Amino acid sequence: MPELPEVETIRRQLAPHVEAKRLREVEIRDPRWTQPLAADQLANAVSARRLDKLSRRGKYLIWEFGGDVFLLVHLRMTGTLLLDPAGEVAHTRVVFHFDDGRRVAFVDPRRFGTGELAVGTAARDEFLDRRLGVEPFDEAFTTEHMRTLARGSRTPIKAFLLDQRKLAGVGNIYADEALFRARVHPLREAGRLDARQWAALRDGILTVLQAGLDAKGASIDDFRHPDGVRGGFQNEFSVHRREGLPCPACGSPVRKLRAAGRGTYVCERCQIKPRQPRQAVTRSSSLPSRSATLSS
């Protein structure tokens, strides 16, 4: 799934070609892209409007049109946006046609991507605020903020990081890489991390996200830049997708496990596995209970 670095890479590359341009029409080939809103309602709301700015929050790409109209695009698992693709591209769900002749195609083999309409800044902010927590590169992303959010939580830290309502933009790839850099096991309870671990994890998150941006994203399956070029961060992974390969820090084989329902990669020498809680001792039914012994 495209995460913050991939979505931001698309935004940076696409913006110079479409900002300040007028959108002639939106050709929505798959009406599921706009559900529950009807496809023609969304198309009519944004067509013939000038695209003032292309911005991002979390994994959402925000098309800011004149008249306080916003299109909130989520790529989900396999979506990408291609600028002026040559010929007909398979799995094209939406095509944006601009007045200057440029085209942007939303290509999505799995068809999970979405386009949401928000009219007015209040509607946009309400939509995003309900779904997204702090941005990692904002000043509000502090060790204390994250530690406060996690206080008392028994949720595994991997699942905690993937919760977009707490931290916007981090997904499976960057969570694995950040946890490795912080030497925190993905199954450790979020509420049990101490201040030192949270500080290391915050730094790890910022480090891997910046590395992802510098490499223009990670292309494992479907992600491409608007010009069709692949990202490069997959060549810099320390643990993600490296099951059985040596850990770059200690040489132990990287292990794959399940955390938060996702394939998760870890070095259990560098990232010490948390102790399992002791199971209550079950008394054998063949032995008499203490009360029965006393009564006899």
Foldseek 3Di string as FASTA:
>chain_A
DAFDLQQVLQQVVCWVPQAQFAFQWKDFQDQVQAPPDGPVVVGVVRHRWGFHGWDDDFQWIWGQTPQQKIKTKHQPDFKDKAKQDPDDDPQFGMWTATPVGIIITIHHPVPPIHIYIAHHPVRVCVVDLVQAADELPDPCPDLVLQLVVQAPFQAFQLLVCCRRNHYGGDHQQLSQQLCLQLLADRRGRSNPDDSSSSRSSSVSSVVLSVVCNVQSHAPDDRRAHNNRHGGDCVVVGQWPPQAQAARPVPGDGWHWDAHNNDTHIDDCVSNPDDDDDDDDDDDDPVDDDPVVVVVD
